[in-house]
Structures are given as structure tokens and as C-alpha cells.
Amino acid sequence: MNKLSQLNEELKEKEKVIERLAYRDDLTGVANRALFYKFAEKFLSNAKRYNHILGLMFIDVDEFKEINDTYGHEMGEIMIKVAGILTESVRKSDVVARYGGDEFLILLPELKDTDEYHVVASRIRHTKNKTVNQNGVELNLSLSIGVSFYPNDGETIDKLMAKADKAMYSAKKSTGDDNYFCDTL
């Protein structure tokens, strides 16, 4: 390999690193907020153009503040575990993103019916191992999920997020583990 080829290869590798740093969450490896918005705008544009339904799930780890206050910030393992559960539960066309803190978003493009989100929600709910063990502390994870849909719940990503966030808080008020709530109509 000549020097020019080697420099080109090194440059390509550095570009990959830069892209990963710009668009991936450092802790979990899922899409970050910036990449989420890139996909969201693309999926929303396609939904408008082709009259598809776009679903948006807003996910929050239940009682995370108490966990964090009790066990400290080293409980990042929880976010890694949640990202893994969500990534394993979605379709190949879906996008999982960490929005911040203990909040995650899932984009569900090209739904044929609003009830299709139940497949992903059911996979999340029925994940076998939702236990995190770090430094001798074993915690069982519970998630609250709110869902919204284009066009029923809004014409913009911000409106869909606000509606899904509201639905997530309604789910959080429910009792039991892994609650999800569709706040449409």
C-alpha cells in the first residue's frame, strides 16, 4: 500500500470516529439527540409524502432519580441495559435514541396501523432479563412508555414528542411494571 492510500484509509477511519462522536450517545452507543432529529425529520417527511403513520415512543426508567440518589452516578449500567433492551425490541427500520438522562425515544416509521406499536411495546415488556447488577446491588428495571402518532397527534416532531411525553407521564402514574400508554384521540 502506498503512502497516499494509507493516508486515505487513516482519514476514512478518523471520519468514522468523528461521525460516531457526533451522532452516538457515548455511554450507550445508540443514536443521540442530533441523530434522532436527523432521522425524525426524514421519517416525518416520508410519512407526509406517502401518507404513512409515524410512531414515536417516549421511554423513561421508573424511579431512576431514587436509584441515582441512592447508588450514585456509577449506575450508568442501567442506561446501557435499557438501550440494549430497546435495541433488541425494535424492528430493523426503527431508531432508538437516548434523549438525555434516563429518557429514550424510539421512532417507528411506516406503520400501517397505530396498533402496530404494540409489537415493540410487548417485546420491551416481555424481555426476560431486566435486572442490573453493579457493585453487588441488584435492581429490577421498570419502564414507562408513552406513544404518539403522526398525523393523529401532531404535524411536527416537537408536537409528537410533547404528546408522547404526556402519555409517558400518564403511564408512570399507573401501577405495576412496564406501563405504556397511547395518548391519542
C-alpha atoms as a PDB file:
ATOM      1  CA  MET A   1       0.000   0.000   0.000  1.00  0.00           C
ATOM      2  CA  ASN A   2       1.472   3.348  -0.965  1.00  0.00           C
ATOM      3  CA  LYS A   3       1.557   6.360   1.360  1.00  0.00           C
ATOM      4  CA  LEU A   4      -1.377   8.103  -0.343  1.00  0.00           C
ATOM      5  CA  SER A   5      -3.592   5.015   0.022  1.00  0.00           C
ATOM      6  CA  GLN A   6      -2.548   4.655   3.642  1.00  0.00           C
ATOM      7  CA  LEU A   7      -3.354   8.329   4.345  1.00  0.00           C
ATOM      8  CA  ASN A   8      -6.761   7.921   2.691  1.00  0.00           C
ATOM      9  CA  GLU A   9      -7.516   4.888   4.849  1.00  0.00           C
ATOM     10  CA  GLU A  10      -6.468   6.753   8.007  1.00  0.00           C
ATOM     11  CA  LEU A  11      -8.640   9.700   7.009  1.00  0.00           C
ATOM     12  CA  LYS A  12     -11.649   7.420   6.458  1.00  0.00           C
ATOM     13  CA  GLU A  13     -11.148   5.864   9.884  1.00  0.00           C
ATOM     14  CA  LYS A  14     -10.928   9.290  11.523  1.00  0.00           C
ATOM     15  CA  GLU A  15     -14.105  10.377   9.734  1.00  0.00           C
ATOM     16  CA  LYS A  16     -15.899   7.312  11.148  1.00  0.00           C
ATOM     17  CA  VAL A  17     -14.729   8.201  14.654  1.00  0.00           C
ATOM     18  CA  ILE A  18     -15.864  11.807  14.240  1.00  0.00           C
ATOM     19  CA  GLU A  19     -19.267  10.691  12.946  1.00  0.00           C
ATOM     20  CA  ARG A  20     -19.665   8.266  15.852  1.00  0.00           C
ATOM     21  CA  LEU A  21     -18.783  11.006  18.335  1.00  0.00           C
ATOM     22  CA  ALA A  22     -21.195  13.442  16.694  1.00  0.00           C
ATOM     23  CA  TYR A  23     -24.190  11.096  16.392  1.00  0.00           C
ATOM     24  CA  ARG A  24     -23.915   8.380  19.042  1.00  0.00           C
ATOM     25  CA  ASP A  25     -24.507   8.524  22.766  1.00  0.00           C
ATOM     26  CA  ASP A  26     -21.155   7.998  24.470  1.00  0.00           C
ATOM     27  CA  LEU A  27     -22.479   5.724  27.199  1.00  0.00           C
ATOM     28  CA  THR A  28     -24.992   3.530  25.359  1.00  0.00           C
ATOM     29  CA  GLY A  29     -23.919   3.661  21.718  1.00  0.00           C
ATOM     30  CA  VAL A  30     -27.475   4.322  20.495  1.00  0.00           C
ATOM     31  CA  ALA A  31     -28.352   7.418  18.482  1.00  0.00           C
ATOM     32  CA  ASN A  32     -28.009  10.708  20.313  1.00  0.00           C
ATOM     33  CA  ARG A  33     -30.344  13.692  20.136  1.00  0.00           C
ATOM     34  CA  ALA A  34     -28.699  15.089  16.979  1.00  0.00           C
ATOM     35  CA  LEU A  35     -29.057  11.825  15.061  1.00  0.00           C
ATOM     36  CA  PHE A  36     -32.587  11.365  16.383  1.00  0.00           C
ATOM     37  CA  TYR A  37     -33.639  14.701  14.863  1.00  0.00           C
ATOM     38  CA  LYS A  38     -31.999  13.833  11.525  1.00  0.00           C
ATOM     39  CA  PHE A  39     -33.951  10.579  11.304  1.00  0.00           C
ATOM     40  CA  ALA A  40     -37.120  12.129  12.724  1.00  0.00           C
ATOM     41  CA  GLU A  41     -37.265  14.837  10.073  1.00  0.00           C
ATOM     42  CA  LYS A  42     -36.563  12.304   7.313  1.00  0.00           C
ATOM     43  CA  PHE A  43     -39.211   9.869   8.580  1.00  0.00           C
ATOM     44  CA  LEU A  44     -41.756  12.651   9.106  1.00  0.00           C
ATOM     45  CA  SER A  45     -41.165  13.982   5.614  1.00  0.00           C
ATOM     46  CA  ASN A  46     -41.667  10.487   4.158  1.00  0.00           C
ATOM     47  CA  ALA A  47     -44.807   9.957   6.263  1.00  0.00           C
ATOM     48  CA  LYS A  48     -46.275  13.192   4.918  1.00  0.00           C
ATOM     49  CA  ARG A  49     -45.307  12.410   1.340  1.00  0.00           C
ATOM     50  CA  TYR A  50     -46.540   8.795   1.279  1.00  0.00           C
ATOM     51  CA  ASN A  51     -49.399   9.070   3.800  1.00  0.00           C
ATOM     52  CA  HIS A  52     -47.720   6.728   6.276  1.00  0.00           C
ATOM     53  CA  ILE A  53     -48.140   6.676  10.020  1.00  0.00           C
ATOM     54  CA  LEU A  54     -45.054   7.594  12.063  1.00  0.00           C
ATOM     55  CA  GLY A  55     -44.980   6.418  15.659  1.00  0.00           C
ATOM     56  CA  LEU A  56     -42.908   7.920  18.426  1.00  0.00           C
ATOM     57  CA  MET A  57     -42.336   6.195  21.753  1.00  0.00           C
ATOM     58  CA  PHE A  58     -41.067   8.166  24.759  1.00  0.00           C
ATOM     59  CA  ILE A  59     -39.490   5.849  27.353  1.00  0.00           C
ATOM     60  CA  ASP A  60     -38.446   6.668  30.903  1.00  0.00           C
ATOM     61  CA  VAL A  61     -36.811   4.485  33.568  1.00  0.00           C
ATOM     62  CA  ASP A  62     -39.145   4.322  36.560  1.00  0.00           C
ATOM     63  CA  GLU A  63     -37.766   5.611  39.865  1.00  0.00           C
ATOM     64  CA  PHE A  64     -34.421   6.495  38.294  1.00  0.00           C
ATOM     65  CA  LYS A  65     -33.974   9.603  40.446  1.00  0.00           C
ATOM     66  CA  GLU A  66     -34.269   7.497  43.610  1.00  0.00           C
ATOM     67  CA  ILE A  67     -31.855   4.909  42.200  1.00  0.00           C
ATOM     68  CA  ASN A  68     -29.379   7.608  41.254  1.00  0.00           C
ATOM     69  CA  ASP A  69     -29.713   9.351  44.638  1.00  0.00           C
ATOM     70  CA  THR A  70     -29.214   6.057  46.484  1.00  0.00           C
ATOM     71  CA  TYR A  71     -26.465   4.435  44.434  1.00  0.00           C
ATOM     72  CA  GLY A  72     -24.802   7.370  42.712  1.00  0.00           C
ATOM     73  CA  HIS A  73     -23.833   8.163  39.168  1.00  0.00           C
ATOM     74  CA  GLU A  74     -21.923   4.903  38.657  1.00  0.00           C
ATOM     75  CA  MET A  75     -25.266   3.295  37.846  1.00  0.00           C
ATOM     76  CA  GLY A  76     -24.665   4.049  34.148  1.00  0.00           C
ATOM     77  CA  GLU A  77     -25.022   0.307  33.669  1.00  0.00           C
ATOM     78  CA  ILE A  78     -28.776   0.913  33.860  1.00  0.00           C
ATOM     79  CA  MET A  79     -28.725   3.139  30.778  1.00  0.00           C
ATOM     80  CA  ILE A  80     -26.634   0.577  28.894  1.00  0.00           C
ATOM     81  CA  LYS A  81     -29.089  -2.177  29.866  1.00  0.00           C
ATOM     82  CA  VAL A  82     -32.139  -0.117  28.836  1.00  0.00           C
ATOM     83  CA  ALA A  83     -30.526   0.779  25.497  1.00  0.00           C
ATOM     84  CA  GLY A  84     -29.867  -2.929  24.906  1.00  0.00           C
ATOM     85  CA  ILE A  85     -33.450  -3.915  25.765  1.00  0.00           C
ATOM     86  CA  LEU A  86     -34.863  -1.252  23.450  1.00  0.00           C
ATOM     87  CA  THR A  87     -32.468  -2.053  20.601  1.00  0.00           C
ATOM     88  CA  GLU A  88     -33.329  -5.755  20.780  1.00  0.00           C
ATOM     89  CA  SER A  89     -37.073  -4.996  20.833  1.00  0.00           C
ATOM     90  CA  VAL A  90     -37.408  -2.824  17.729  1.00  0.00           C
ATOM     91  CA  ARG A  91     -37.731  -3.581  14.042  1.00  0.00           C
ATOM     92  CA  LYS A  92     -34.703  -3.037  11.785  1.00  0.00           C
ATOM     93  CA  SER A  93     -36.265   0.135  10.373  1.00  0.00           C
ATOM     94  CA  ASP A  94     -36.847   1.706  13.813  1.00  0.00           C
ATOM     95  CA  VAL A  95     -34.457   4.111  15.525  1.00  0.00           C
ATOM     96  CA  VAL A  96     -33.602   4.029  19.236  1.00  0.00           C
ATOM     97  CA  ALA A  97     -32.131   7.225  20.682  1.00  0.00           C
ATOM     98  CA  ARG A  98     -31.083   8.371  24.116  1.00  0.00           C
ATOM     99  CA  TYR A  99     -32.690  11.751  24.547  1.00  0.00           C
ATOM    100  CA  GLY A 100     -30.979  12.549  27.817  1.00  0.00           C
ATOM    101  CA  GLY A 101     -30.667  11.305  31.374  1.00  0.00           C
ATOM    102  CA  ASP A 102     -32.952   8.299  31.664  1.00  0.00           C
ATOM    103  CA  GLU A 103     -35.113   9.208  28.664  1.00  0.00           C
ATOM    104  CA  PHE A 104     -35.109   7.286  25.401  1.00  0.00           C
ATOM    105  CA  LEU A 105     -37.044   7.729  22.171  1.00  0.00           C
ATOM    106  CA  ILE A 106     -37.995   5.225  19.508  1.00  0.00           C
ATOM    107  CA  LEU A 107     -39.073   6.242  16.019  1.00  0.00           C
ATOM    108  CA  LEU A 108     -41.444   3.778  14.351  1.00  0.00           C
ATOM    109  CA  PRO A 109     -41.586   4.684  10.640  1.00  0.00           C
ATOM    110  CA  GLU A 110     -44.060   3.412   8.064  1.00  0.00           C
ATOM    111  CA  LEU A 111     -46.659   1.928  10.381  1.00  0.00           C
ATOM    112  CA  LYS A 112     -49.705   0.576   8.619  1.00  0.00           C
ATOM    113  CA  ASP A 113     -51.855   0.994  11.722  1.00  0.00           C
ATOM    114  CA  THR A 114     -51.364   2.738  15.078  1.00  0.00           C
ATOM    115  CA  ASP A 115     -51.781  -0.590  16.890  1.00  0.00           C
ATOM    116  CA  GLU A 116     -48.501  -1.843  15.388  1.00  0.00           C
ATOM    117  CA  TYR A 117     -46.564  -0.192  18.207  1.00  0.00           C
ATOM    118  CA  HIS A 118     -47.933  -2.923  20.493  1.00  0.00           C
ATOM    119  CA  VAL A 119     -45.462  -5.398  18.964  1.00  0.00           C
ATOM    120  CA  VAL A 120     -42.469  -3.313  20.058  1.00  0.00           C
ATOM    121  CA  ALA A 121     -44.040  -2.421  23.429  1.00  0.00           C
ATOM    122  CA  SER A 122     -44.799  -6.100  24.060  1.00  0.00           C
ATOM    123  CA  ARG A 123     -41.213  -7.108  23.276  1.00  0.00           C
ATOM    124  CA  ILE A 124     -39.961  -4.481  25.722  1.00  0.00           C
ATOM    125  CA  ARG A 125     -42.425  -5.590  28.388  1.00  0.00           C
ATOM    126  CA  HIS A 126     -41.637  -9.284  27.980  1.00  0.00           C
ATOM    127  CA  THR A 127     -37.848  -9.001  27.939  1.00  0.00           C
ATOM    128  CA  LYS A 128     -36.707 -11.740  30.276  1.00  0.00           C
ATOM    129  CA  ASN A 129     -33.738 -10.132  31.991  1.00  0.00           C
ATOM    130  CA  LYS A 130     -34.395  -6.635  33.242  1.00  0.00           C
ATOM    131  CA  THR A 131     -32.037  -6.887  36.163  1.00  0.00           C
ATOM    132  CA  VAL A 132     -28.905  -4.815  36.564  1.00  0.00           C
ATOM    133  CA  ASN A 133     -26.221  -5.936  38.973  1.00  0.00           C
ATOM    134  CA  GLN A 134     -23.458  -3.487  39.721  1.00  0.00           C
ATOM    135  CA  ASN A 135     -21.200  -3.376  42.747  1.00  0.00           C
ATOM    136  CA  GLY A 136     -23.304  -6.015  44.487  1.00  0.00           C
ATOM    137  CA  VAL A 137     -26.546  -4.107  44.003  1.00  0.00           C
ATOM    138  CA  GLU A 138     -29.270  -5.897  42.061  1.00  0.00           C
ATOM    139  CA  LEU A 139     -32.031  -3.727  40.621  1.00  0.00           C
ATOM    140  CA  ASN A 140     -35.097  -4.729  38.637  1.00  0.00           C
ATOM    141  CA  LEU A 141     -35.859  -2.242  35.882  1.00  0.00           C
ATOM    142  CA  SER A 142     -39.299  -0.923  35.076  1.00  0.00           C
ATOM    143  CA  LEU A 143     -40.058   1.388  32.167  1.00  0.00           C
ATOM    144  CA  SER A 144     -42.898   3.755  31.382  1.00  0.00           C
ATOM    145  CA  ILE A 145     -43.711   4.343  27.731  1.00  0.00           C
ATOM    146  CA  GLY A 146     -45.836   6.965  26.041  1.00  0.00           C
ATOM    147  CA  VAL A 147     -46.729   6.808  22.371  1.00  0.00           C
ATOM    148  CA  SER A 148     -47.873   9.341  19.785  1.00  0.00           C
ATOM    149  CA  PHE A 149     -48.505   9.158  16.062  1.00  0.00           C
ATOM    150  CA  TYR A 150     -48.290  11.339  13.009  1.00  0.00           C
ATOM    151  CA  PRO A 151     -50.756  12.529  11.742  1.00  0.00           C
ATOM    152  CA  ASN A 152     -53.226  11.911  14.622  1.00  0.00           C
ATOM    153  CA  ASP A 153     -51.217  13.614  17.356  1.00  0.00           C
ATOM    154  CA  GLY A 154     -49.308  16.317  15.550  1.00  0.00           C
ATOM    155  CA  GLU A 155     -47.708  17.571  12.369  1.00  0.00           C
ATOM    156  CA  THR A 156     -44.223  18.196  13.822  1.00  0.00           C
ATOM    157  CA  ILE A 157     -41.685  16.144  15.724  1.00  0.00           C
ATOM    158  CA  ASP A 158     -41.895  18.551  18.666  1.00  0.00           C
ATOM    159  CA  LYS A 159     -45.676  18.090  18.904  1.00  0.00           C
ATOM    160  CA  LEU A 160     -45.323  14.317  18.658  1.00  0.00           C
ATOM    161  CA  MET A 161     -42.671  14.359  21.384  1.00  0.00           C
ATOM    162  CA  ALA A 162     -44.817  16.533  23.655  1.00  0.00           C
ATOM    163  CA  LYS A 163     -47.797  14.214  23.193  1.00  0.00           C
ATOM    164  CA  ALA A 164     -45.713  11.058  23.774  1.00  0.00           C
ATOM    165  CA  ASP A 165     -44.076  12.664  26.839  1.00  0.00           C
ATOM    166  CA  LYS A 166     -47.518  13.454  28.275  1.00  0.00           C
ATOM    167  CA  ALA A 167     -48.626   9.883  27.596  1.00  0.00           C
ATOM    168  CA  MET A 168     -45.460   8.566  29.280  1.00  0.00           C
ATOM    169  CA  TYR A 169     -46.280  10.531  32.437  1.00  0.00           C
ATOM    170  CA  SER A 170     -49.794   9.062  32.371  1.00  0.00           C
ATOM    171  CA  ALA A 171     -48.238   5.600  32.159  1.00  0.00           C
ATOM    172  CA  LYS A 172     -45.872   6.455  35.016  1.00  0.00           C
ATOM    173  CA  LYS A 173     -48.867   7.203  37.250  1.00  0.00           C
ATOM    174  CA  SER A 174     -50.224   3.693  36.607  1.00  0.00           C
ATOM    175  CA  THR A 175     -49.295   0.891  38.947  1.00  0.00           C
ATOM    176  CA  GLY A 176     -47.226  -2.139  38.058  1.00  0.00           C
ATOM    177  CA  ASP A 177     -44.148  -2.695  35.960  1.00  0.00           C
ATOM    178  CA  ASP A 178     -43.541  -1.610  32.389  1.00  0.00           C
ATOM    179  CA  ASN A 179     -46.554   0.570  31.759  1.00  0.00           C
ATOM    180  CA  TYR A 180     -47.301   2.015  28.384  1.00  0.00           C
ATOM    181  CA  PHE A 181     -49.965   4.432  27.386  1.00  0.00           C
ATOM    182  CA  CYS A 182     -51.138   5.576  23.998  1.00  0.00           C
ATOM    183  CA  ASP A 183     -52.428   9.114  24.338  1.00  0.00           C
ATOM    184  CA  THR A 184     -54.237   9.515  21.055  1.00  0.00           C
ATOM    185  CA  LEU A 185     -57.742  10.630  20.098  1.00  0.00           C
END
